[in-house]
Protein backbone atom coordinates (compact mmCIF):
# COMPACT_ATOMS: atom_id res chain seq x y z
CA UNK A 1 22.55 -79.55 38.29
CA UNK A 2 20.73 -79.26 41.65
CA UNK A 3 21.07 -76.18 43.79
CA UNK A 4 22.95 -78.06 46.56
CA UNK A 5 25.55 -79.26 43.98
CA UNK A 6 25.93 -75.68 42.51
CA UNK A 7 26.23 -74.26 46.05
CA UNK A 8 28.87 -76.81 46.92
CA UNK A 9 30.86 -75.88 43.84
CA UNK A 10 30.50 -72.16 44.62
CA UNK A 11 31.85 -72.75 48.15
CA UNK A 12 34.76 -74.77 46.78
CA UNK A 13 35.80 -72.22 44.05
CA UNK A 14 34.73 -68.90 45.50
CA UNK A 15 36.29 -68.68 48.97
CA UNK A 16 34.93 -65.12 49.45
CA UNK A 17 31.31 -66.53 49.72
CA UNK A 18 30.35 -66.55 53.38
CA UNK A 19 26.72 -67.59 53.03
CA UNK A 20 24.38 -68.92 50.29
CA UNK A 21 20.60 -68.57 50.39
CA UNK A 22 18.62 -71.93 49.81
CA UNK A 23 15.44 -70.33 48.83
CA UNK A 24 16.06 -67.81 46.11
CA UNK A 25 14.74 -66.78 42.68
CA UNK A 26 18.39 -66.08 41.58
CA UNK A 27 20.69 -68.91 40.43
CA UNK A 28 22.86 -68.11 43.46
CA UNK A 29 22.36 -65.46 46.16
CA UNK A 30 24.04 -64.93 49.46
CA UNK A 31 26.83 -62.97 51.03
CA UNK A 32 30.46 -62.58 50.37
CA UNK A 33 33.53 -60.84 52.05
CA UNK A 34 34.96 -57.73 50.52
CA UNK A 35 36.91 -54.96 52.22
CA UNK A 36 37.05 -56.63 55.68
CA UNK A 37 33.19 -57.11 55.84
CA UNK A 38 31.53 -60.51 55.29
CA UNK A 39 28.00 -59.42 54.49
CA UNK A 40 28.09 -57.95 51.03
CA UNK A 41 25.13 -59.25 49.04
CA UNK A 42 26.23 -61.64 46.36
CA UNK A 43 24.39 -62.84 43.20
CA UNK A 44 25.15 -64.95 40.33
CA UNK A 45 22.90 -65.07 37.25
CA UNK A 46 23.48 -67.31 34.24
CA UNK A 47 22.35 -66.33 30.81
CA UNK A 48 22.01 -69.95 29.97
CA UNK A 49 19.96 -71.61 32.76
CA UNK A 50 21.60 -74.96 32.10
CA UNK A 51 24.57 -74.55 34.45
CA UNK A 52 25.80 -78.13 33.85
CA UNK A 53 28.41 -76.82 31.46
CA UNK A 54 31.95 -78.25 31.81
CA UNK A 55 32.94 -74.51 31.83
CA UNK A 56 31.24 -73.97 35.32
CA UNK A 57 34.45 -74.42 37.17
CA UNK A 58 36.21 -71.86 34.98
CA UNK A 59 33.30 -69.45 35.45
CA UNK A 60 33.37 -69.75 39.27
CA UNK A 61 37.08 -69.26 39.25
CA UNK A 62 36.61 -66.07 37.17
CA UNK A 63 34.10 -64.83 39.66
CA UNK A 64 36.56 -65.49 42.47
CA UNK A 65 39.25 -63.46 40.60
CA UNK A 66 36.85 -60.56 40.04
CA UNK A 67 36.08 -60.58 43.79
CA UNK A 68 39.87 -60.57 44.44
CA UNK A 69 40.16 -57.69 41.91
CA UNK A 70 37.48 -55.61 43.67
CA UNK A 71 39.14 -56.27 47.05
CA UNK A 72 42.59 -55.34 45.78
CA UNK A 73 41.44 -52.26 43.82
CA UNK A 74 39.84 -50.57 46.81
CA UNK A 75 42.02 -47.40 46.60
CA UNK A 76 41.35 -47.05 42.98
CA UNK A 77 37.55 -47.46 43.41
CA UNK A 78 37.52 -45.02 46.33
CA UNK A 79 39.60 -42.46 44.44
CA UNK A 80 37.19 -42.59 41.59
CA UNK A 81 34.26 -41.94 44.03
CA UNK A 82 36.22 -38.95 45.57
CA UNK A 83 36.93 -37.51 42.03
CA UNK A 84 33.43 -38.00 40.73
CA UNK A 85 31.31 -37.13 43.84
CA UNK A 86 33.65 -35.53 46.30
CA UNK A 87 32.48 -37.95 49.02
CA UNK A 88 34.55 -39.02 51.99
CA UNK A 89 35.35 -42.84 51.55
CA UNK A 90 36.85 -43.55 54.94
CA UNK A 91 33.74 -45.68 55.97
CA UNK A 92 32.93 -47.01 52.47
CA UNK A 93 31.81 -50.61 52.08
CA UNK A 94 30.58 -52.91 49.26
CA UNK A 95 26.71 -53.21 49.22
CA UNK A 96 26.37 -55.83 46.61
CA UNK A 97 28.16 -57.67 43.84
CA UNK A 98 26.11 -59.08 41.03
CA UNK A 99 27.58 -61.35 38.39
CA UNK A 100 26.00 -61.92 35.03
CA UNK A 101 27.45 -64.93 33.12
CA UNK A 102 27.11 -65.06 29.42
CA UNK A 103 29.66 -67.76 28.93
CA UNK A 104 33.09 -68.81 30.35
CA UNK A 105 34.73 -65.76 28.64
CA UNK A 106 32.02 -63.25 29.43
CA UNK A 107 31.56 -62.71 33.10
CA UNK A 108 30.24 -59.26 33.83
CA UNK A 109 30.01 -57.68 37.39
CA UNK A 110 27.99 -54.93 38.73
CA UNK A 111 28.61 -53.61 42.29
CA UNK A 112 27.85 -50.84 44.59
CA UNK A 113 29.72 -48.95 47.22
CA UNK A 114 28.25 -46.83 49.93
CA UNK A 115 29.10 -45.23 53.41
CA UNK A 116 26.93 -44.15 56.30
CA UNK A 117 27.65 -40.53 55.49
CA UNK A 118 26.37 -40.61 51.93
CA UNK A 119 22.64 -39.93 52.77
CA UNK A 120 21.58 -43.49 51.73
CA UNK A 121 23.08 -43.24 48.25
CA UNK A 122 25.25 -45.87 46.53
CA UNK A 123 27.89 -45.40 43.96
CA UNK A 124 27.25 -48.00 41.24
CA UNK A 125 30.07 -49.63 39.10
CA UNK A 126 30.35 -52.16 36.39
CA UNK A 127 33.30 -54.47 35.78
CA UNK A 128 33.44 -55.61 32.32
CA UNK A 129 34.73 -59.14 31.31
CA UNK A 130 38.24 -57.65 30.68
CA UNK A 131 38.13 -55.85 34.19
CA UNK A 132 37.48 -52.43 32.70
CA UNK A 133 36.00 -50.47 35.58
CA UNK A 134 33.07 -48.17 34.61
CA UNK A 135 31.44 -45.72 37.09
CA UNK A 136 27.72 -45.58 36.52
CA UNK A 137 26.83 -42.84 39.02
CA UNK A 138 24.84 -42.36 42.21
CA UNK A 139 21.61 -44.07 42.97
CA UNK A 140 19.28 -44.20 46.03
CA UNK A 141 20.11 -47.15 48.29
């Protein structure tokens, strides 16, 4: 599948995507909308580089559902940051969302949250294929 065809499918099935880069080393890279901002870095990597699978639509729908989950679970994610780091999350925003696709049932997500007051640190998380949220800790931005 050519990049343009993949991008067209991504735009069709992942409405949160606001921009896709045309020259990228990743399978798909661009920006998406999360938490009222439309410039969160967005990446999809496929374990199997052949993305001509009939399961591609299901994979893209799963990614869209995970983005919805992240958007809808903002309070839970922010509360976890407050509990673990005692950081104010009033101005928190999503820095990036990266999706790693093993197959149509195993779509993993890593994402980072930051805020201007956090001294250029990000709180990193992973979201397992079953939507189990795992806090990975703070990292430099």
